[in-house]
Amino acid sequence: MPDDTAPNRSDAGREVVKGMSKKSKAKKTRKEAANSIRVGEYGRYQIKSGRLADAYGARAFPKPPTKARGLIAEATGETEEAAISALRSAIDAREDRRAEDRRTDPRNGTQVPTSDEYAEALHSVNLTRPQRAMLMALSLEEAEGLAEVKVAVAGSYKSTTSANRALASVGRMIAGYLSSSGPASKGLSTGSDGTALIGYRDVSEHDEKAENWIMHPELCAAIRSIT
């Protein structure tokens, strides 16, 4: 039979209390660590900062509710504010590098974003199903282009006017997103009808009255990379 004397019961009770105390301290430590993380914003990015081991750190992530994931940039500093300041500088430098990598469209002088910029924007802007369908149809045709009426059919629009208006809206959303952080936004243009960041319309070889939509290759590559 087990020895259930009062001293033994007391020792067992102390062991249980001791175990509970360790668990409580561990939970408290984790909770304090979580509460010590500060969340902020810089441009279109979410910043999380706080004490990390023996230094202060700050990291930038895509701002919710975007579908994009992953670390954008990170930095450390002697203080939390110094880490945040260093992170902002790193983000600005990243945006500047992206701006330098952009191509200038010879047809209208517009700066065309990189494929990475397009992909980030497409993850974040709120596109409708018809808009996504038109973008996919255009990306599949690449440099060959697609007749305006076929673009409209792909998006289930009854007229090319409605389809072109929807594409112009996509261009404005992409420009708006990419223009929301840093000096790299300078030079972005959506064109007079908002479509410069989507591509351009060219006269069809088979019908001089018809126009083909031709998507920028950078946007084609971005669409393929996220689907």
Protein backbone atom coordinates (compact mmCIF):
# COMPACT_ATOMS: atom_id res chain seq x y z
CA MET A 1 0.00 0.00 0.00
CA PRO A 2 1.25 3.55 -0.71
CA ASP A 3 2.56 5.50 2.21
CA ASP A 4 -0.08 8.24 2.55
CA THR A 5 1.19 9.84 5.70
CA ALA A 6 0.73 13.54 6.33
CA PRO A 7 4.42 14.44 5.67
CA ASN A 8 4.37 12.62 2.31
CA ARG A 9 1.13 14.29 1.30
CA SER A 10 2.66 17.65 2.21
CA ASP A 11 5.78 16.98 0.11
CA ALA A 12 3.64 15.96 -2.85
CA GLY A 13 1.61 19.12 -2.50
CA ARG A 14 4.73 21.27 -2.48
CA GLU A 15 5.98 19.55 -5.68
CA VAL A 16 2.67 20.26 -7.42
CA VAL A 17 2.70 23.89 -6.34
CA LYS A 18 6.34 24.20 -7.42
CA GLY A 19 5.49 22.77 -10.86
CA MET A 20 2.53 25.10 -11.23
CA SER A 21 4.72 28.02 -10.19
CA LYS A 22 7.26 27.24 -12.92
CA LYS A 23 4.53 26.99 -15.56
CA SER A 24 2.99 30.26 -14.40
CA LYS A 25 6.34 32.02 -14.58
CA ALA A 26 6.96 30.64 -18.07
CA LYS A 27 3.54 31.82 -19.27
CA LYS A 28 4.12 35.21 -17.67
CA THR A 29 7.52 35.55 -19.35
CA ARG A 30 6.06 34.68 -22.76
CA LYS A 31 3.21 37.12 -22.23
CA GLU A 32 5.58 39.91 -21.21
CA ALA A 33 7.74 39.23 -24.26
CA ALA A 34 4.69 39.40 -26.53
CA ASN A 35 3.53 42.63 -24.90
CA SER A 36 6.98 44.17 -25.38
CA ILE A 37 6.66 43.98 -29.19
CA ARG A 38 5.57 47.31 -30.64
CA VAL A 39 3.61 47.37 -33.88
CA GLY A 40 3.65 50.38 -36.19
CA GLU A 41 3.59 51.34 -39.85
CA TYR A 42 5.87 52.92 -42.39
CA GLY A 43 4.38 53.59 -45.78
CA ARG A 44 2.74 50.39 -46.97
CA TYR A 45 4.59 48.17 -44.49
CA GLN A 46 3.92 46.99 -40.97
CA ILE A 47 6.80 47.40 -38.51
CA LYS A 48 7.35 45.24 -35.44
CA SER A 49 10.02 46.34 -32.98
CA GLY A 50 11.28 45.44 -29.54
CA ARG A 51 14.04 43.90 -27.49
CA LEU A 52 15.57 40.87 -29.20
CA ALA A 53 18.13 39.01 -27.07
CA ASP A 54 20.87 41.56 -26.30
CA ALA A 55 19.84 44.22 -28.81
CA TYR A 56 16.87 46.14 -30.10
CA GLY A 57 15.48 45.06 -33.45
CA ALA A 58 12.87 46.16 -35.97
CA ARG A 59 11.38 44.24 -38.86
CA ALA A 60 9.11 45.20 -41.75
CA PHE A 61 6.38 42.97 -43.16
CA PRO A 62 3.60 43.41 -45.74
CA LYS A 63 0.78 45.31 -44.09
CA PRO A 64 -2.39 43.24 -43.43
CA PRO A 65 -4.77 42.29 -44.97
CA THR A 66 -2.44 41.60 -47.89
CA LYS A 67 -1.97 38.01 -49.04
CA ALA A 68 1.76 38.63 -49.40
CA ARG A 69 3.97 37.02 -46.77
CA GLY A 70 7.56 37.24 -45.66
CA LEU A 71 10.11 39.61 -44.21
CA ILE A 72 10.69 42.82 -46.18
CA ALA A 73 13.64 44.24 -44.24
CA GLU A 74 15.16 44.26 -40.76
CA ALA A 75 17.58 46.33 -38.69
CA THR A 76 19.04 46.59 -35.19
CA GLY A 77 20.10 49.48 -32.97
CA GLU A 78 21.26 50.47 -29.52
CA THR A 79 17.73 51.66 -28.76
CA GLU A 80 14.34 50.75 -30.16
CA GLU A 81 14.01 54.12 -31.87
CA ALA A 82 17.45 53.69 -33.44
CA ALA A 83 16.42 50.28 -34.77
CA ILE A 84 13.21 51.70 -36.24
CA SER A 85 15.11 54.59 -37.84
CA ALA A 86 17.63 52.18 -39.37
CA LEU A 87 14.79 50.04 -40.68
CA ARG A 88 13.11 53.01 -42.34
CA SER A 89 16.39 53.86 -44.05
CA ALA A 90 16.69 50.25 -45.25
CA ILE A 91 13.16 50.37 -46.67
CA ASP A 92 13.87 53.67 -48.46
CA ALA A 93 17.06 52.22 -49.94
CA ARG A 94 15.12 49.15 -51.11
CA GLU A 95 12.53 51.35 -52.80
CA ASP A 96 15.27 53.40 -54.47
CA ARG A 97 16.91 50.24 -55.86
CA ARG A 98 13.59 49.11 -57.25
CA ALA A 99 13.02 52.48 -58.90
CA GLU A 100 16.42 52.26 -60.56
CA ASP A 101 15.52 48.82 -61.96
CA ARG A 102 12.36 50.07 -63.63
CA ARG A 103 12.12 50.21 -67.40
CA THR A 104 10.93 53.29 -69.25
CA ASP A 105 8.19 52.60 -71.78
CA PRO A 106 9.35 54.17 -75.08
CA ARG A 107 5.78 54.76 -76.21
CA ASN A 108 4.81 57.19 -73.45
CA GLY A 109 7.85 57.61 -71.17
CA THR A 110 6.12 55.87 -68.27
CA GLN A 111 8.25 54.02 -65.73
CA VAL A 112 7.21 50.36 -65.74
CA PRO A 113 7.49 48.67 -62.30
CA THR A 114 9.59 45.54 -61.85
CA SER A 115 7.97 42.10 -61.72
CA ASP A 116 8.57 42.01 -57.96
CA GLU A 117 6.76 45.31 -57.51
CA TYR A 118 3.84 44.14 -59.62
CA ALA A 119 3.61 40.87 -57.65
CA GLU A 120 3.61 42.70 -54.33
CA ALA A 121 0.91 45.07 -55.54
CA LEU A 122 -1.27 42.29 -56.95
CA HIS A 123 -1.13 40.53 -53.57
CA SER A 124 -2.35 43.67 -51.86
CA VAL A 125 -4.91 45.45 -54.06
CA ASN A 126 -8.52 44.36 -54.04
CA LEU A 127 -9.20 43.08 -57.55
CA THR A 128 -12.55 41.74 -58.69
CA ARG A 129 -12.90 38.31 -60.29
CA PRO A 130 -13.52 39.83 -63.78
CA GLN A 131 -10.43 42.02 -63.43
CA ARG A 132 -8.31 39.01 -62.47
CA ALA A 133 -9.74 37.03 -65.39
CA MET A 134 -8.79 39.75 -67.88
CA LEU A 135 -5.28 40.05 -66.46
CA MET A 136 -4.79 36.29 -66.71
CA ALA A 137 -6.04 36.21 -70.30
CA LEU A 138 -3.67 39.02 -71.28
CA SER A 139 -0.70 37.43 -69.51
CA LEU A 140 -1.19 34.20 -71.45
CA GLU A 141 -0.99 36.05 -74.76
CA GLU A 142 2.16 37.98 -73.77
CA ALA A 143 3.61 40.01 -76.66
CA GLU A 144 1.00 38.75 -79.14
CA GLY A 145 -1.70 40.70 -77.37
CA LEU A 146 -5.41 40.11 -77.25
CA ALA A 147 -8.20 41.88 -79.12
CA GLU A 148 -10.20 44.28 -76.97
CA VAL A 149 -13.40 42.35 -77.52
CA LYS A 150 -11.73 39.11 -76.34
CA VAL A 151 -10.42 40.86 -73.26
CA ALA A 152 -13.97 41.97 -72.50
CA VAL A 153 -15.25 38.41 -73.02
CA ALA A 154 -12.58 37.05 -70.65
CA GLY A 155 -13.91 39.35 -67.94
CA SER A 156 -17.56 38.69 -68.83
CA TYR A 157 -18.11 42.34 -69.71
CA LYS A 158 -20.80 43.28 -72.21
CA SER A 159 -18.74 46.04 -73.83
CA THR A 160 -15.10 46.90 -74.44
CA THR A 161 -15.75 50.26 -72.81
CA SER A 162 -16.64 48.60 -69.50
CA ALA A 163 -13.69 46.23 -69.78
CA ASN A 164 -11.24 49.06 -70.50
CA ARG A 165 -12.62 51.02 -67.57
CA ALA A 166 -12.05 48.02 -65.29
CA LEU A 167 -8.46 47.63 -66.52
CA ALA A 168 -7.84 51.34 -65.95
CA SER A 169 -9.04 50.86 -62.38
CA VAL A 170 -6.46 48.08 -61.91
CA GLY A 171 -3.72 50.40 -63.16
CA ARG A 172 -4.74 53.12 -60.72
CA MET A 173 -4.82 50.66 -57.81
CA ILE A 174 -1.33 49.37 -58.63
CA ALA A 175 0.00 52.92 -58.91
CA GLY A 176 -1.70 53.90 -55.66
CA TYR A 177 -0.17 50.97 -53.81
CA LEU A 178 3.35 51.47 -55.16
CA SER A 179 3.14 55.21 -54.51
CA SER A 180 2.36 54.75 -50.81
CA SER A 181 5.97 54.45 -49.65
CA GLY A 182 9.16 56.40 -50.16
CA PRO A 183 10.62 58.47 -53.01
CA ALA A 184 10.55 55.50 -55.37
CA SER A 185 6.94 56.35 -56.17
CA LYS A 186 8.07 59.35 -58.21
CA GLY A 187 7.75 58.87 -61.94
CA LEU A 188 4.88 56.38 -61.80
CA SER A 189 2.05 57.31 -64.12
CA THR A 190 -1.23 55.60 -64.91
CA GLY A 191 -1.70 57.46 -68.18
CA SER A 192 -4.62 59.64 -69.16
CA ASP A 193 -7.05 56.72 -68.87
CA GLY A 194 -5.26 54.85 -66.06
CA THR A 195 -3.92 51.99 -68.16
CA ALA A 196 -0.22 52.84 -68.58
CA LEU A 197 0.80 50.37 -65.87
CA ILE A 198 -1.18 47.54 -67.50
CA GLY A 199 0.19 47.80 -71.03
CA TYR A 200 -0.81 49.48 -74.25
CA ARG A 201 -3.24 49.12 -77.13
CA ASP A 202 -1.93 48.53 -80.63
CA VAL A 203 -3.72 48.35 -83.96
CA SER A 204 -4.37 44.76 -84.99
CA GLU A 205 -2.44 43.46 -88.01
CA HIS A 206 -5.62 41.83 -89.32
CA ASP A 207 -8.08 44.66 -88.76
CA GLU A 208 -7.00 48.31 -88.81
CA LYS A 209 -10.16 49.28 -86.93
CA ALA A 210 -9.53 46.82 -84.09
CA GLU A 211 -7.05 47.26 -81.26
CA ASN A 212 -5.12 44.65 -79.33
CA TRP A 213 -4.25 44.91 -75.67
CA ILE A 214 -0.58 44.07 -75.07
CA MET A 215 0.47 43.64 -71.44
CA HIS A 216 3.83 44.74 -70.07
CA PRO A 217 6.12 41.68 -69.82
CA GLU A 218 6.91 42.57 -66.19
CA LEU A 219 3.23 42.32 -65.31
CA CYS A 220 2.89 39.07 -67.29
CA ALA A 221 5.71 37.54 -65.26
CA ALA A 222 4.23 38.77 -61.98
CA ILE A 223 0.82 37.24 -62.72
CA ARG A 224 2.40 33.89 -63.56
CA SER A 225 4.48 33.96 -60.38
CA ILE A 226 1.49 34.36 -58.05
CA THR A 227 -0.93 31.94 -59.69
